[in-house]
């Protein structure tokens, strides 16, 4: 199961994701059998557009037996969280703001 959650992104993202996944709630998309090649292409498109348009945040997660906790997680944008591994699981922590971000 692949799940993508968007927050405060341009309509372009929502249209693209709705064309290849089921929108089960506002900004929440799922696909029960998305293969790795399609998932990689979807993430590539989202990353490229995010680099051009920015704003909001995108999170993608799926089952991966080799990843910590059996789940892989990719993120773009804010909130400014970073994923890190600790004792074989993923944890999220808020990044410290830089001086220019904190102003």
PDB file of N, CA and C in Angstrom:
ATOM      1  N   UNK A   1       0.850  -1.176   0.000  1.00  0.00           N
ATOM      2  CA  UNK A   1       0.000   0.000   0.000  1.00  0.00           C
ATOM      3  C   UNK A   1       0.895   1.238   0.000  1.00  0.00           C
ATOM      4  N   UNK A   2       0.713   2.069  -0.995  1.00  0.00           N
ATOM      5  CA  UNK A   2       1.411   3.353  -1.057  1.00  0.00           C
ATOM      6  C   UNK A   2       0.430   4.441  -0.646  1.00  0.00           C
ATOM      7  N   UNK A   3       0.873   5.335   0.230  1.00  0.00           N
ATOM      8  CA  UNK A   3       0.038   6.447   0.697  1.00  0.00           C
ATOM      9  C   UNK A   3       0.818   7.740   0.495  1.00  0.00           C
ATOM     10  N   UNK A   4       0.148   8.745  -0.077  1.00  0.00           N
ATOM     11  CA  UNK A   4       0.731  10.079  -0.224  1.00  0.00           C
ATOM     12  C   UNK A   4      -0.204  11.070   0.448  1.00  0.00           C
ATOM     13  N   UNK A   5       0.379  11.922   1.282  1.00  0.00           N
ATOM     14  CA  UNK A   5      -0.383  12.961   1.979  1.00  0.00           C
ATOM     15  C   UNK A   5       0.174  14.306   1.545  1.00  0.00           C
ATOM     16  N   UNK A   6      -0.705  15.186   1.070  1.00  0.00           N
ATOM     17  CA  UNK A   6      -0.288  16.531   0.656  1.00  0.00           C
ATOM     18  C   UNK A   6      -0.929  17.556   1.580  1.00  0.00           C
ATOM     19  N   UNK A   7      -0.246  18.683   1.722  1.00  0.00           N
ATOM     20  CA  UNK A   7      -0.781  19.780   2.526  1.00  0.00           C
ATOM     21  C   UNK A   7      -0.367  21.089   1.888  1.00  0.00           C
ATOM     22  N   UNK A   8      -1.352  21.921   1.583  1.00  0.00           N
ATOM     23  CA  UNK A   8      -1.115  23.258   1.039  1.00  0.00           C
ATOM     24  C   UNK A   8      -0.254  23.239  -0.221  1.00  0.00           C
ATOM     25  N   UNK A   9      -0.589  22.342  -1.163  1.00  0.00           N
ATOM     26  CA  UNK A   9       0.141  22.285  -2.426  1.00  0.00           C
ATOM     27  C   UNK A   9      -0.748  22.809  -3.553  1.00  0.00           C
ATOM     28  N   UNK A  10      -0.132  23.145  -4.679  1.00  0.00           N
ATOM     29  CA  UNK A  10      -0.865  23.646  -5.840  1.00  0.00           C
ATOM     30  C   UNK A  10      -1.821  22.575  -6.368  1.00  0.00           C
ATOM     31  N   UNK A  11      -2.885  23.012  -7.017  1.00  0.00           N
ATOM     32  CA  UNK A  11      -3.889  22.102  -7.575  1.00  0.00           C
ATOM     33  C   UNK A  11      -3.271  21.113  -8.561  1.00  0.00           C
ATOM     34  N   UNK A  12      -2.199  21.497  -9.182  1.00  0.00           N
ATOM     35  CA  UNK A  12      -1.502  20.630 -10.142  1.00  0.00           C
ATOM     36  C   UNK A  12      -1.128  19.290  -9.500  1.00  0.00           C
ATOM     37  N   UNK A  13      -0.653  19.310  -8.271  1.00  0.00           N
ATOM     38  CA  UNK A  13      -0.275  18.089  -7.565  1.00  0.00           C
ATOM     39  C   UNK A  13      -1.497  17.202  -7.348  1.00  0.00           C
ATOM     40  N   UNK A  14      -2.563  17.814  -6.904  1.00  0.00           N
ATOM     41  CA  UNK A  14      -3.781  17.057  -6.594  1.00  0.00           C
ATOM     42  C   UNK A  14      -4.352  16.411  -7.841  1.00  0.00           C
ATOM     43  N   UNK A  15      -4.345  17.134  -8.965  1.00  0.00           N
ATOM     44  CA  UNK A  15      -4.847  16.572 -10.213  1.00  0.00           C
ATOM     45  C   UNK A  15      -4.016  15.384 -10.675  1.00  0.00           C
ATOM     46  N   UNK A  16      -2.694  15.540 -10.608  1.00  0.00           N
ATOM     47  CA  UNK A  16      -1.796  14.457 -11.005  1.00  0.00           C
ATOM     48  C   UNK A  16      -2.008  13.225 -10.130  1.00  0.00           C
ATOM     49  N   UNK A  17      -2.022  13.413  -8.817  1.00  0.00           N
ATOM     50  CA  UNK A  17      -2.174  12.276  -7.916  1.00  0.00           C
ATOM     51  C   UNK A  17      -3.532  11.599  -8.078  1.00  0.00           C
ATOM     52  N   UNK A  18      -4.581  12.379  -8.301  1.00  0.00           N
ATOM     53  CA  UNK A  18      -5.913  11.800  -8.495  1.00  0.00           C
ATOM     54  C   UNK A  18      -5.992  10.990  -9.789  1.00  0.00           C
ATOM     55  N   UNK A  19      -5.087  11.247 -10.731  1.00  0.00           N
ATOM     56  CA  UNK A  19      -5.093  10.495 -11.983  1.00  0.00           C
ATOM     57  C   UNK A  19      -4.467   9.110 -11.842  1.00  0.00           C
ATOM     58  N   UNK A  20      -3.711   8.890 -10.765  1.00  0.00           N
ATOM     59  CA  UNK A  20      -3.050   7.592 -10.627  1.00  0.00           C
ATOM     60  C   UNK A  20      -3.289   6.923  -9.273  1.00  0.00           C
ATOM     61  N   UNK A  21      -4.012   7.598  -8.385  1.00  0.00           N
ATOM     62  CA  UNK A  21      -4.289   7.041  -7.062  1.00  0.00           C
ATOM     63  C   UNK A  21      -5.707   7.427  -6.647  1.00  0.00           C
ATOM     64  N   UNK A  22      -6.229   6.762  -5.637  1.00  0.00           N
ATOM     65  CA  UNK A  22      -7.547   7.075  -5.096  1.00  0.00           C
ATOM     66  C   UNK A  22      -7.403   8.119  -3.995  1.00  0.00           C
ATOM     67  N   UNK A  23      -8.147   9.222  -4.107  1.00  0.00           N
ATOM     68  CA  UNK A  23      -8.137  10.244  -3.053  1.00  0.00           C
ATOM     69  C   UNK A  23      -9.183   9.848  -2.021  1.00  0.00           C
ATOM     70  N   UNK A  24      -8.731   9.359  -0.868  1.00  0.00           N
ATOM     71  CA  UNK A  24      -9.659   8.859   0.151  1.00  0.00           C
ATOM     72  C   UNK A  24     -10.093   9.933   1.138  1.00  0.00           C
ATOM     73  N   UNK A  25      -9.427  11.062   1.106  1.00  0.00           N
ATOM     74  CA  UNK A  25      -9.755  12.209   1.943  1.00  0.00           C
ATOM     75  C   UNK A  25      -9.038  13.402   1.347  1.00  0.00           C
ATOM     76  N   UNK A  26      -9.338  14.610   1.790  1.00  0.00           N
ATOM     77  CA  UNK A  26      -8.676  15.782   1.230  1.00  0.00           C
ATOM     78  C   UNK A  26      -7.148  15.685   1.339  1.00  0.00           C
ATOM     79  N   UNK A  27      -6.489  15.576   0.199  1.00  0.00           N
ATOM     80  CA  UNK A  27      -5.034  15.534   0.172  1.00  0.00           C
ATOM     81  C   UNK A  27      -4.410  14.212   0.568  1.00  0.00           C
ATOM     82  N   UNK A  28      -5.216  13.142   0.690  1.00  0.00           N
ATOM     83  CA  UNK A  28      -4.711  11.826   1.079  1.00  0.00           C
ATOM     84  C   UNK A  28      -5.005  10.839  -0.050  1.00  0.00           C
ATOM     85  N   UNK A  29      -3.945  10.260  -0.619  1.00  0.00           N
ATOM     86  CA  UNK A  29      -4.056   9.391  -1.791  1.00  0.00           C
ATOM     87  C   UNK A  29      -3.498   8.016  -1.461  1.00  0.00           C
ATOM     88  N   UNK A  30      -4.161   6.966  -1.960  1.00  0.00           N
ATOM     89  CA  UNK A  30      -3.689   5.603  -1.717  1.00  0.00           C
ATOM     90  C   UNK A  30      -3.682   4.795  -3.005  1.00  0.00           C
ATOM     91  N   UNK A  31      -2.815   3.796  -3.028  1.00  0.00           N
ATOM     92  CA  UNK A  31      -2.775   2.818  -4.103  1.00  0.00           C
ATOM     93  C   UNK A  31      -2.337   1.495  -3.498  1.00  0.00           C
ATOM     94  N   UNK A  32      -3.198   0.476  -3.525  1.00  0.00           N
ATOM     95  CA  UNK A  32      -2.864  -0.773  -2.849  1.00  0.00           C
ATOM     96  C   UNK A  32      -1.765  -1.590  -3.537  1.00  0.00           C
ATOM     97  N   UNK A  33      -1.568  -1.407  -4.852  1.00  0.00           N
ATOM     98  CA  UNK A  33      -0.610  -2.244  -5.565  1.00  0.00           C
ATOM     99  C   UNK A  33       0.303  -1.445  -6.499  1.00  0.00           C
ATOM    100  N   UNK A  34       0.784  -0.301  -6.078  1.00  0.00           N
ATOM    101  CA  UNK A  34       1.671   0.497  -6.919  1.00  0.00           C
ATOM    102  C   UNK A  34       3.055  -0.153  -6.934  1.00  0.00           C
ATOM    103  N   UNK A  35       3.537  -0.485  -8.126  1.00  0.00           N
ATOM    104  CA  UNK A  35       4.842  -1.152  -8.195  1.00  0.00           C
ATOM    105  C   UNK A  35       5.970  -0.132  -8.014  1.00  0.00           C
ATOM    106  N   UNK A  36       7.172  -0.611  -7.701  1.00  0.00           N
ATOM    107  CA  UNK A  36       8.292   0.298  -7.410  1.00  0.00           C
ATOM    108  C   UNK A  36       8.629   1.257  -8.557  1.00  0.00           C
ATOM    109  N   UNK A  37       8.516   0.817  -9.802  1.00  0.00           N
ATOM    110  CA  UNK A  37       8.833   1.693 -10.930  1.00  0.00           C
ATOM    111  C   UNK A  37       7.843   2.858 -11.023  1.00  0.00           C
ATOM    112  N   UNK A  38       6.561   2.572 -10.855  1.00  0.00           N
ATOM    113  CA  UNK A  38       5.541   3.633 -10.894  1.00  0.00           C
ATOM    114  C   UNK A  38       5.713   4.559  -9.703  1.00  0.00           C
ATOM    115  N   UNK A  39       5.946   3.980  -8.530  1.00  0.00           N
ATOM    116  CA  UNK A  39       6.145   4.800  -7.329  1.00  0.00           C
ATOM    117  C   UNK A  39       7.336   5.744  -7.503  1.00  0.00           C
ATOM    118  N   UNK A  40       8.415   5.247  -8.077  1.00  0.00           N
ATOM    119  CA  UNK A  40       9.594   6.071  -8.329  1.00  0.00           C
ATOM    120  C   UNK A  40       9.281   7.200  -9.299  1.00  0.00           C
ATOM    121  N   UNK A  41       8.522   6.904 -10.337  1.00  0.00           N
ATOM    122  CA  UNK A  41       8.161   7.937 -11.324  1.00  0.00           C
ATOM    123  C   UNK A  41       7.253   8.994 -10.704  1.00  0.00           C
ATOM    124  N   UNK A  42       6.280   8.559  -9.911  1.00  0.00           N
ATOM    125  CA  UNK A  42       5.383   9.509  -9.234  1.00  0.00           C
ATOM    126  C   UNK A  42       6.199  10.424  -8.333  1.00  0.00           C
ATOM    127  N   UNK A  43       7.126   9.850  -7.548  1.00  0.00           N
ATOM    128  CA  UNK A  43       7.936  10.671  -6.654  1.00  0.00           C
ATOM    129  C   UNK A  43       8.828  11.631  -7.443  1.00  0.00           C
ATOM    130  N   UNK A  44       9.347  11.165  -8.572  1.00  0.00           N
ATOM    131  CA  UNK A  44      10.184  12.015  -9.418  1.00  0.00           C
ATOM    132  C   UNK A  44       9.406  13.233  -9.914  1.00  0.00           C
ATOM    133  N   UNK A  45       8.174  13.006 -10.370  1.00  0.00           N
ATOM    134  CA  UNK A  45       7.324  14.110 -10.841  1.00  0.00           C
ATOM    135  C   UNK A  45       7.022  15.065  -9.686  1.00  0.00           C
ATOM    136  N   UNK A  46       6.631  14.523  -8.539  1.00  0.00           N
ATOM    137  CA  UNK A  46       6.319  15.373  -7.380  1.00  0.00           C
ATOM    138  C   UNK A  46       7.530  16.195  -6.951  1.00  0.00           C
ATOM    139  N   UNK A  47       8.701  15.571  -6.928  1.00  0.00           N
ATOM    140  CA  UNK A  47       9.931  16.275  -6.528  1.00  0.00           C
ATOM    141  C   UNK A  47      10.272  17.389  -7.500  1.00  0.00           C
ATOM    142  N   UNK A  48      10.154  17.110  -8.790  1.00  0.00           N
ATOM    143  CA  UNK A  48      10.464  18.122  -9.804  1.00  0.00           C
ATOM    144  C   UNK A  48       9.510  19.311  -9.692  1.00  0.00           C
ATOM    145  N   UNK A  49       8.218  19.024  -9.605  1.00  0.00           N
ATOM    146  CA  UNK A  49       7.245  20.102  -9.485  1.00  0.00           C
ATOM    147  C   UNK A  49       7.429  20.872  -8.183  1.00  0.00           C
ATOM    148  N   UNK A  50       7.727  20.168  -7.106  1.00  0.00           N
ATOM    149  CA  UNK A  50       7.917  20.838  -5.819  1.00  0.00           C
ATOM    150  C   UNK A  50       9.105  21.781  -5.892  1.00  0.00           C
ATOM    151  N   UNK A  51      10.159  21.376  -6.599  1.00  0.00           N
ATOM    152  CA  UNK A  51      11.317  22.243  -6.778  1.00  0.00           C
ATOM    153  C   UNK A  51      10.976  23.513  -7.538  1.00  0.00           C
ATOM    154  N   UNK A  52      10.037  23.412  -8.477  1.00  0.00           N
ATOM    155  CA  UNK A  52       9.617  24.570  -9.280  1.00  0.00           C
ATOM    156  C   UNK A  52       8.592  25.433  -8.550  1.00  0.00           C
ATOM    157  N   UNK A  53       7.613  24.785  -7.907  1.00  0.00           N
ATOM    158  CA  UNK A  53       6.483  25.505  -7.323  1.00  0.00           C
ATOM    159  C   UNK A  53       6.626  25.759  -5.824  1.00  0.00           C
ATOM    160  N   UNK A  54       7.289  24.836  -5.116  1.00  0.00           N
ATOM    161  CA  UNK A  54       7.446  24.964  -3.675  1.00  0.00           C
ATOM    162  C   UNK A  54       6.122  24.980  -2.942  1.00  0.00           C
ATOM    163  N   UNK A  55       6.139  25.408  -1.696  1.00  0.00           N
ATOM    164  CA  UNK A  55       4.932  25.544  -0.889  1.00  0.00           C
ATOM    165  C   UNK A  55       4.427  24.224  -0.332  1.00  0.00           C
ATOM    166  N   UNK A  56       3.847  24.268   0.850  1.00  0.00           N
ATOM    167  CA  UNK A  56       3.210  23.101   1.438  1.00  0.00           C
ATOM    168  C   UNK A  56       4.156  21.969   1.762  1.00  0.00           C
ATOM    169  N   UNK A  57       3.591  20.770   1.794  1.00  0.00           N
ATOM    170  CA  UNK A  57       4.395  19.593   2.090  1.00  0.00           C
ATOM    171  C   UNK A  57       3.781  18.357   1.446  1.00  0.00           C
ATOM    172  N   UNK A  58       4.638  17.372   1.208  1.00  0.00           N
ATOM    173  CA  UNK A  58       4.212  16.096   0.635  1.00  0.00           C
ATOM    174  C   UNK A  58       4.936  14.998   1.390  1.00  0.00           C
ATOM    175  N   UNK A  59       4.200  13.948   1.752  1.00  0.00           N
ATOM    176  CA  UNK A  59       4.771  12.788   2.406  1.00  0.00           C
ATOM    177  C   UNK A  59       4.318  11.555   1.635  1.00  0.00           C
ATOM    178  N   UNK A  60       5.253  10.655   1.336  1.00  0.00           N
ATOM    179  CA  UNK A  60       4.906   9.390   0.702  1.00  0.00           C
ATOM    180  C   UNK A  60       5.469   8.263   1.559  1.00  0.00           C
ATOM    181  N   UNK A  61       4.649   7.226   1.791  1.00  0.00           N
ATOM    182  CA  UNK A  61       5.088   6.078   2.571  1.00  0.00           C
ATOM    183  C   UNK A  61       4.553   4.799   1.953  1.00  0.00           C
ATOM    184  N   UNK A  62       5.305   3.719   2.131  1.00  0.00           N
ATOM    185  CA  UNK A  62       4.885   2.410   1.649  1.00  0.00           C
ATOM    186  C   UNK A  62       5.593   1.332   2.443  1.00  0.00           C
ATOM    187  N   UNK A  63       5.074   0.117   2.330  1.00  0.00           N
ATOM    188  CA  UNK A  63       5.664  -1.032   3.011  1.00  0.00           C
ATOM    189  C   UNK A  63       6.985  -1.394   2.339  1.00  0.00           C
ATOM    190  N   UNK A  64       8.032  -1.542   3.163  1.00  0.00           N
ATOM    191  CA  UNK A  64       9.337  -1.967   2.673  1.00  0.00           C
ATOM    192  C   UNK A  64       9.981  -2.810   3.769  1.00  0.00           C
ATOM    193  N   UNK A  65       9.966  -4.138   3.595  1.00  0.00           N
ATOM    194  CA  UNK A  65      10.489  -5.017   4.640  1.00  0.00           C
ATOM    195  C   UNK A  65      11.949  -4.743   5.023  1.00  0.00           C
ATOM    196  N   UNK A  66      12.740  -4.172   4.109  1.00  0.00           N
ATOM    197  CA  UNK A  66      14.147  -3.896   4.411  1.00  0.00           C
ATOM    198  C   UNK A  66      14.360  -2.571   5.151  1.00  0.00           C
ATOM    199  N   UNK A  67      13.374  -1.714   5.181  1.00  0.00           N
ATOM    200  CA  UNK A  67      13.493  -0.407   5.841  1.00  0.00           C
ATOM    201  C   UNK A  67      13.231  -0.557   7.343  1.00  0.00           C
ATOM    202  N   UNK A  68      13.737   0.393   8.130  1.00  0.00           N
ATOM    203  CA  UNK A  68      13.460   0.363   9.576  1.00  0.00           C
ATOM    204  C   UNK A  68      11.958   0.358   9.839  1.00  0.00           C
ATOM    205  N   UNK A  69      11.512  -0.543  10.678  1.00  0.00           N
ATOM    206  CA  UNK A  69      10.095  -0.628  10.998  1.00  0.00           C
ATOM    207  C   UNK A  69       9.255  -1.191   9.867  1.00  0.00           C
ATOM    208  N   UNK A  70       9.900  -1.628   8.767  1.00  0.00           N
ATOM    209  CA  UNK A  70       9.172  -2.203   7.637  1.00  0.00           C
ATOM    210  C   UNK A  70       8.440  -1.184   6.792  1.00  0.00           C
ATOM    211  N   UNK A  71       8.820   0.095   6.895  1.00  0.00           N
ATOM    212  CA  UNK A  71       8.112   1.164   6.192  1.00  0.00           C
ATOM    213  C   UNK A  71       9.108   2.210   5.717  1.00  0.00           C
ATOM    214  N   UNK A  72       9.004   2.599   4.453  1.00  0.00           N
ATOM    215  CA  UNK A  72       9.843   3.666   3.901  1.00  0.00           C
ATOM    216  C   UNK A  72       9.042   4.958   3.903  1.00  0.00           C
ATOM    217  N   UNK A  73       9.705   6.084   4.124  1.00  0.00           N
ATOM    218  CA  UNK A  73       9.043   7.386   4.184  1.00  0.00           C
ATOM    219  C   UNK A  73       9.883   8.405   3.425  1.00  0.00           C
ATOM    220  N   UNK A  74       9.247   9.126   2.495  1.00  0.00           N
ATOM    221  CA  UNK A  74       9.881  10.247   1.791  1.00  0.00           C
ATOM    222  C   UNK A  74       9.084  11.508   2.120  1.00  0.00           C
ATOM    223  N   UNK A  75       9.762  12.642   2.245  1.00  0.00           N
ATOM    224  CA  UNK A  75       9.072  13.899   2.529  1.00  0.00           C
ATOM    225  C   UNK A  75       9.641  15.041   1.692  1.00  0.00           C
ATOM    226  N   UNK A  76       8.792  16.010   1.421  1.00  0.00           N
ATOM    227  CA  UNK A  76       9.173  17.266   0.775  1.00  0.00           C
ATOM    228  C   UNK A  76       8.507  18.404   1.523  1.00  0.00           C
ATOM    229  N   UNK A  77       9.223  19.490   1.759  1.00  0.00           N
ATOM    230  CA  UNK A  77       8.624  20.711   2.297  1.00  0.00           C
ATOM    231  C   UNK A  77       8.398  20.728   3.789  1.00  0.00           C
ATOM    232  N   UNK A  78       7.505  21.618   4.191  1.00  0.00           N
ATOM    233  CA  UNK A  78       7.205  21.865   5.590  1.00  0.00           C
ATOM    234  C   UNK A  78       5.955  21.113   5.978  1.00  0.00           C
ATOM    235  N   UNK A  79       5.695  20.752   7.231  1.00  0.00           N
ATOM    236  CA  UNK A  79       6.460  21.237   8.358  1.00  0.00           C
ATOM    237  C   UNK A  79       7.884  20.718   8.303  1.00  0.00           C
ATOM    238  N   UNK A  80       8.746  21.425   8.910  1.00  0.00           N
ATOM    239  CA  UNK A  80      10.171  21.177   8.793  1.00  0.00           C
ATOM    240  C   UNK A  80      10.601  20.006   9.687  1.00  0.00           C
ATOM    241  N   UNK A  81      10.162  18.813   9.308  1.00  0.00           N
ATOM    242  CA  UNK A  81      10.525  17.607  10.038  1.00  0.00           C
ATOM    243  C   UNK A  81      11.564  16.826   9.257  1.00  0.00           C
ATOM    244  N   UNK A  82      12.385  16.115   9.967  1.00  0.00           N
ATOM    245  CA  UNK A  82      13.294  15.195   9.317  1.00  0.00           C
ATOM    246  C   UNK A  82      13.053  13.811   9.890  1.00  0.00           C
ATOM    247  N   UNK A  83      13.163  12.817   9.032  1.00  0.00           N
ATOM    248  CA  UNK A  83      12.998  11.435   9.453  1.00  0.00           C
ATOM    249  C   UNK A  83      14.392  10.877   9.754  1.00  0.00           C
ATOM    250  N   UNK A  84      14.511  10.157  10.823  1.00  0.00           N
ATOM    251  CA  UNK A  84      15.790   9.520  11.115  1.00  0.00           C
ATOM    252  C   UNK A  84      15.547   8.155  11.741  1.00  0.00           C
ATOM    253  N   UNK A  85      16.547   7.291  11.620  1.00  0.00           N
ATOM    254  CA  UNK A  85      16.448   5.940  12.143  1.00  0.00           C
ATOM    255  C   UNK A  85      17.035   5.881  13.550  1.00  0.00           C
ATOM    256  N   UNK A  86      16.335   5.165  14.407  1.00  0.00           N
ATOM    257  CA  UNK A  86      16.831   4.959  15.768  1.00  0.00           C
ATOM    258  C   UNK A  86      16.339   3.599  16.243  1.00  0.00           C
ATOM    259  N   UNK A  87      17.251   2.735  16.615  1.00  0.00           N
ATOM    260  CA  UNK A  87      16.912   1.392  17.091  1.00  0.00           C
ATOM    261  C   UNK A  87      15.973   0.649  16.139  1.00  0.00           C
ATOM    262  N   UNK A  88      16.231   0.784  14.836  1.00  0.00           N
ATOM    263  CA  UNK A  88      15.486   0.021  13.845  1.00  0.00           C
ATOM    264  C   UNK A  88      14.121   0.551  13.479  1.00  0.00           C
ATOM    265  N   UNK A  89      13.784   1.774  13.883  1.00  0.00           N
ATOM    266  CA  UNK A  89      12.510   2.383  13.487  1.00  0.00           C
ATOM    267  C   UNK A  89      12.750   3.809  13.014  1.00  0.00           C
ATOM    268  N   UNK A  90      11.794   4.350  12.266  1.00  0.00           N
ATOM    269  CA  UNK A  90      11.853   5.740  11.861  1.00  0.00           C
ATOM    270  C   UNK A  90      11.215   6.598  12.937  1.00  0.00           C
ATOM    271  N   UNK A  91      11.836   7.726  13.218  1.00  0.00           N
ATOM    272  CA  UNK A  91      11.276   8.730  14.114  1.00  0.00           C
ATOM    273  C   UNK A  91      11.278  10.063  13.378  1.00  0.00           C
ATOM    274  N   UNK A  92      10.389  10.942  13.759  1.00  0.00           N
ATOM    275  CA  UNK A  92      10.340  12.282  13.160  1.00  0.00           C
ATOM    276  C   UNK A  92      10.730  13.288  14.225  1.00  0.00           C
ATOM    277  N   UNK A  93      11.556  14.244  13.814  1.00  0.00           N
ATOM    278  CA  UNK A  93      11.899  15.321  14.739  1.00  0.00           C
ATOM    279  C   UNK A  93      11.877  16.626  13.972  1.00  0.00           C
ATOM    280  N   UNK A  94      11.506  17.658  14.670  1.00  0.00           N
ATOM    281  CA  UNK A  94      11.440  18.984  14.065  1.00  0.00           C
ATOM    282  C   UNK A  94      12.849  19.536  13.937  1.00  0.00           C
ATOM    283  N   UNK A  95      13.166  20.039  12.757  1.00  0.00           N
ATOM    284  CA  UNK A  95      14.476  20.648  12.542  1.00  0.00           C
ATOM    285  C   UNK A  95      14.525  21.993  13.219  1.00  0.00           C
ATOM    286  N   UNK A  96      15.703  22.362  13.688  1.00  0.00           N
ATOM    287  CA  UNK A  96      15.883  23.695  14.261  1.00  0.00           C
ATOM    288  C   UNK A  96      15.836  24.720  13.149  1.00  0.00           C
ATOM    289  N   UNK A  97      15.185  25.834  13.392  1.00  0.00           N
ATOM    290  CA  UNK A  97      15.118  26.905  12.407  1.00  0.00           C
ATOM    291  C   UNK A  97      16.436  27.646  12.320  1.00  0.00           C
ATOM    292  N   UNK A  98      16.796  28.037  11.113  1.00  0.00           N
ATOM    293  CA  UNK A  98      17.979  28.867  10.958  1.00  0.00           C
ATOM    294  C   UNK A  98      17.588  30.296  11.296  1.00  0.00           C
ATOM    295  N   UNK A  99      18.564  31.176  11.421  1.00  0.00           N
ATOM    296  CA  UNK A  99      18.265  32.572  11.755  1.00  0.00           C
ATOM    297  C   UNK A  99      17.343  33.201  10.722  1.00  0.00           C
ATOM    298  N   UNK A 100      17.540  32.918   9.436  1.00  0.00           N
ATOM    299  CA  UNK A 100      16.704  33.533   8.390  1.00  0.00           C
ATOM    300  C   UNK A 100      15.304  32.942   8.395  1.00  0.00           C
ATOM    301  N   UNK A 101      15.140  31.679   8.769  1.00  0.00           N
ATOM    302  CA  UNK A 101      13.802  31.059   8.833  1.00  0.00           C
ATOM    303  C   UNK A 101      13.043  31.529  10.054  1.00  0.00           C
ATOM    304  N   UNK A 102      13.750  31.812  11.128  1.00  0.00           N
ATOM    305  CA  UNK A 102      13.109  32.180  12.374  1.00  0.00           C
ATOM    306  C   UNK A 102      12.626  33.619  12.421  1.00  0.00           C
ATOM    307  N   UNK A 103      12.985  34.434  11.424  1.00  0.00           N
ATOM    308  CA  UNK A 103      12.625  35.850  11.416  1.00  0.00           C
ATOM    309  C   UNK A 103      11.199  36.031  10.986  1.00  0.00           C
TER     310      UNK A 103
END
